[in-house]
């Protein structure tokens, strides 16, 4: 059983203390950097009145990326399945001769 790490992450000028598995630390720190970069981008691009608005836009952006990857993955799976079915049909035809 691995020891838990106590880390502090800063997002939107707030510090969040977390207790995590060592295997999660790198991913959390990377995600924090991406969120901070996106916050900075939104603040520079739009007239933002409140950090909560910026955080909501960040959440929407990340959620949209996840959804798009799932949609793309589903389409890729359908294409692969169709190709495999066609290949199976051709092989069956060849083997039945």
Protein backbone atom coordinates (compact mmCIF):
# COMPACT_ATOMS: atom_id res chain seq x y z
CA UNK A 1 0.00 0.00 0.00
CA UNK A 2 1.54 3.32 -1.06
CA UNK A 3 1.70 6.39 1.12
CA UNK A 4 -0.51 9.32 0.28
CA UNK A 5 1.03 12.67 -0.62
CA UNK A 6 -0.20 15.98 0.69
CA UNK A 7 0.03 18.59 -2.05
CA UNK A 8 -1.26 22.11 -2.56
CA UNK A 9 -2.58 23.28 -5.91
CA UNK A 10 -3.31 26.89 -6.75
CA UNK A 11 -6.20 27.57 -9.10
CA UNK A 12 -7.63 31.04 -9.73
CA UNK A 13 -5.74 32.57 -6.80
CA UNK A 14 -7.00 29.95 -4.36
CA UNK A 15 -4.98 27.18 -2.77
CA UNK A 16 -6.46 23.70 -2.61
CA UNK A 17 -4.76 21.23 -0.27
CA UNK A 18 -5.20 17.64 -1.46
CA UNK A 19 -4.17 14.20 -0.29
CA UNK A 20 -3.45 12.03 -3.33
CA UNK A 21 -1.75 8.86 -4.46
CA UNK A 22 1.77 9.51 -5.75
CA UNK A 23 0.64 8.26 -9.19
CA UNK A 24 -1.92 11.09 -9.40
CA UNK A 25 0.38 13.98 -8.55
CA UNK A 26 1.84 14.59 -12.00
CA UNK A 27 -1.57 14.51 -13.69
CA UNK A 28 -3.08 16.90 -11.16
CA UNK A 29 -0.21 19.35 -11.48
CA UNK A 30 -0.41 19.20 -15.27
CA UNK A 31 -4.18 19.78 -15.17
CA UNK A 32 -3.65 22.72 -12.83
CA UNK A 33 -1.18 24.30 -15.27
CA UNK A 34 -3.65 23.86 -18.15
CA UNK A 35 -6.47 25.42 -16.12
CA UNK A 36 -4.28 28.38 -15.15
CA UNK A 37 -3.23 28.89 -18.78
CA UNK A 38 -6.85 28.77 -19.90
CA UNK A 39 -7.87 31.23 -17.17
CA UNK A 40 -5.18 33.64 -18.36
CA UNK A 41 -6.32 33.24 -21.96
CA UNK A 42 -9.98 33.92 -21.11
CA UNK A 43 -9.06 36.94 -18.97
CA UNK A 44 -6.98 38.42 -21.79
CA UNK A 45 -9.55 37.71 -24.49
CA UNK A 46 -12.78 38.69 -22.75
CA UNK A 47 -13.97 41.31 -20.30
CA UNK A 48 -14.32 39.09 -17.26
CA UNK A 49 -15.93 40.41 -14.11
CA UNK A 50 -15.65 37.39 -11.90
CA UNK A 51 -13.28 34.44 -11.48
CA UNK A 52 -16.32 32.17 -11.24
CA UNK A 53 -17.27 33.12 -14.80
CA UNK A 54 -13.78 32.25 -15.99
CA UNK A 55 -13.82 28.94 -14.12
CA UNK A 56 -17.23 28.10 -15.61
CA UNK A 57 -15.86 28.76 -19.11
CA UNK A 58 -12.82 26.57 -18.35
CA UNK A 59 -15.08 23.76 -17.15
CA UNK A 60 -17.19 24.07 -20.31
CA UNK A 61 -14.08 24.03 -22.51
CA UNK A 62 -12.67 20.89 -20.86
CA UNK A 63 -16.04 19.12 -20.87
CA UNK A 64 -16.50 19.92 -24.57
CA UNK A 65 -13.06 18.47 -25.33
CA UNK A 66 -13.92 15.24 -23.50
CA UNK A 67 -17.26 14.96 -25.28
CA UNK A 68 -15.67 15.59 -28.69
CA UNK A 69 -13.07 12.87 -28.06
CA UNK A 70 -15.84 10.44 -27.13
CA UNK A 71 -17.79 11.30 -30.27
CA UNK A 72 -14.69 10.93 -32.44
CA UNK A 73 -13.77 7.67 -30.74
CA UNK A 74 -17.26 6.31 -31.30
CA UNK A 75 -17.10 7.23 -35.00
CA UNK A 76 -13.67 5.59 -35.31
CA UNK A 77 -15.04 2.43 -33.68
CA UNK A 78 -17.96 2.33 -36.13
CA UNK A 79 -15.61 2.70 -39.11
CA UNK A 80 -13.33 -0.04 -37.76
CA UNK A 81 -16.30 -2.34 -37.14
CA UNK A 82 -17.59 -1.80 -40.68
CA UNK A 83 -14.16 -2.56 -42.14
CA UNK A 84 -13.82 -5.70 -40.03
CA UNK A 85 -17.28 -6.88 -41.07
CA UNK A 86 -16.39 -6.33 -44.74
CA UNK A 87 -13.12 -8.20 -44.30
CA UNK A 88 -14.90 -11.04 -42.52
CA UNK A 89 -17.43 -11.26 -45.34
CA UNK A 90 -14.68 -11.40 -47.98
CA UNK A 91 -12.74 -14.03 -46.04
CA UNK A 92 -15.86 -16.14 -45.59
CA UNK A 93 -16.56 -15.94 -49.32
CA UNK A 94 -12.99 -16.99 -50.15
CA UNK A 95 -12.99 -19.86 -47.67
CA UNK A 96 -16.32 -21.20 -48.88
CA UNK A 97 -15.01 -21.69 -52.44
